[in-house]
Amino acid sequence: MQILIKKLHNSISEPVLKRMWLALIIAMCAIFSSAFIPAFGQTSFGRISGTVSAPDGSVIPGAQVTVRNADTQLTRQTATDSQGFYVFTELLIGI
């Protein structure tokens, strides 16, 4: 194996060898950096949204909506908009 590597090294010129090493380093950096890209899209927060409507299907603007954490009993409140829509953002996931 060493003889083969030595023969290969002797048969390749110095500039070509340097370019090969540079290409290898760049390829390894690209592979390792792309492995971490999906992790940046993850978050520790959730979102709940919906529409409050009456039994006849009409929306209810100004309705008070409360979300409660079952473990900590902490609550957050909001009111629906003119279309009956509400949203809670930045809710801790799994707590």
Protein backbone atom coordinates (compact mmCIF):
# COMPACT_ATOMS: atom_id res chain seq x y z
CA MET A 1 0.00 0.00 0.00
CA GLN A 2 2.81 2.40 0.90
CA ILE A 3 4.61 1.62 -2.33
CA LEU A 4 1.46 2.36 -4.34
CA ILE A 5 0.94 5.67 -2.53
CA LYS A 6 4.59 6.58 -3.02
CA LYS A 7 4.43 5.77 -6.75
CA LEU A 8 1.19 7.73 -7.08
CA HIS A 9 2.69 10.68 -5.19
CA ASN A 10 5.84 10.64 -7.37
CA SER A 11 3.82 10.48 -10.60
CA ILE A 12 1.66 13.54 -9.76
CA SER A 13 3.17 17.00 -10.03
CA GLU A 14 3.23 19.25 -6.98
CA PRO A 15 0.66 21.84 -8.27
CA VAL A 16 -1.79 19.06 -9.20
CA LEU A 17 -1.38 17.48 -5.78
CA LYS A 18 -2.03 20.81 -4.07
CA ARG A 19 -5.19 21.34 -6.15
CA MET A 20 -6.39 17.84 -5.27
CA TRP A 21 -5.93 18.50 -1.55
CA LEU A 22 -7.68 21.86 -1.85
CA ALA A 23 -10.60 20.24 -3.69
CA LEU A 24 -10.81 17.54 -1.02
CA ILE A 25 -10.84 20.11 1.79
CA ILE A 26 -13.52 22.21 0.06
CA ALA A 27 -15.66 19.11 -0.55
CA MET A 28 -15.37 18.02 3.09
CA CYS A 29 -16.30 21.51 4.32
CA ALA A 30 -19.35 21.54 2.03
CA ILE A 31 -20.46 18.11 3.24
CA PHE A 32 -20.06 18.95 6.93
CA SER A 33 -21.69 22.38 6.69
CA SER A 34 -24.69 21.08 4.73
CA ALA A 35 -25.32 18.46 7.42
CA PHE A 36 -26.21 21.21 9.91
CA ILE A 37 -28.50 23.34 7.71
CA PRO A 38 -31.77 21.53 8.65
CA ALA A 39 -31.10 22.13 12.34
CA PHE A 40 -31.40 25.89 11.91
CA GLY A 41 -35.05 25.57 10.82
CA GLN A 42 -36.15 23.99 14.05
CA THR A 43 -37.64 26.01 16.88
CA SER A 44 -38.71 25.50 20.48
CA PHE A 45 -41.98 27.32 20.05
CA GLY A 46 -45.42 26.40 18.73
CA ARG A 47 -48.42 28.26 17.38
CA ILE A 48 -52.16 27.79 17.81
CA SER A 49 -54.70 29.55 15.64
CA GLY A 50 -58.33 29.18 14.71
CA THR A 51 -61.69 30.80 14.18
CA VAL A 52 -64.47 31.15 16.73
CA SER A 53 -67.91 30.66 15.24
CA ALA A 54 -71.50 30.27 16.43
CA PRO A 55 -73.53 27.08 15.81
CA ASP A 56 -75.09 28.72 12.75
CA GLY A 57 -71.60 29.21 11.24
CA SER A 58 -71.33 32.97 11.72
CA VAL A 59 -68.00 34.20 13.10
CA ILE A 60 -67.79 35.85 16.52
CA PRO A 61 -65.59 38.97 16.54
CA GLY A 62 -64.16 40.08 19.89
CA ALA A 63 -64.54 36.68 21.58
CA GLN A 64 -62.07 36.01 24.39
CA VAL A 65 -59.91 32.92 23.79
CA THR A 66 -57.68 31.41 26.48
CA VAL A 67 -54.93 28.83 26.16
CA ARG A 68 -53.76 27.04 29.32
CA ASN A 69 -50.68 24.95 29.96
CA ALA A 70 -51.96 21.78 31.65
CA ASP A 71 -48.68 21.21 33.55
CA THR A 72 -47.98 24.72 34.84
CA GLN A 73 -51.52 26.15 34.74
CA LEU A 74 -50.14 29.28 33.07
CA THR A 75 -52.64 30.94 30.75
CA ARG A 76 -52.56 33.41 27.87
CA GLN A 77 -55.52 35.27 26.48
CA THR A 78 -56.36 37.00 23.24
CA ALA A 79 -59.46 38.24 21.46
CA THR A 80 -60.68 37.31 18.00
CA ASP A 81 -60.45 39.86 15.22
CA SER A 82 -63.33 41.08 13.03
CA GLN A 83 -63.26 37.75 11.13
CA GLY A 84 -63.39 35.66 14.33
CA PHE A 85 -59.74 34.66 13.92
CA TYR A 86 -57.30 34.25 16.83
CA VAL A 87 -53.64 33.25 17.09
CA PHE A 88 -51.26 32.39 19.92
CA THR A 89 -47.58 32.49 18.95
CA GLU A 90 -44.36 31.56 20.73
CA LEU A 91 -45.92 28.86 22.89
CA LEU A 92 -43.33 26.60 24.49
CA ILE A 93 -43.50 23.10 23.02
CA GLY A 94 -43.98 20.16 25.37
CA ILE A 95 -44.33 22.20 28.52
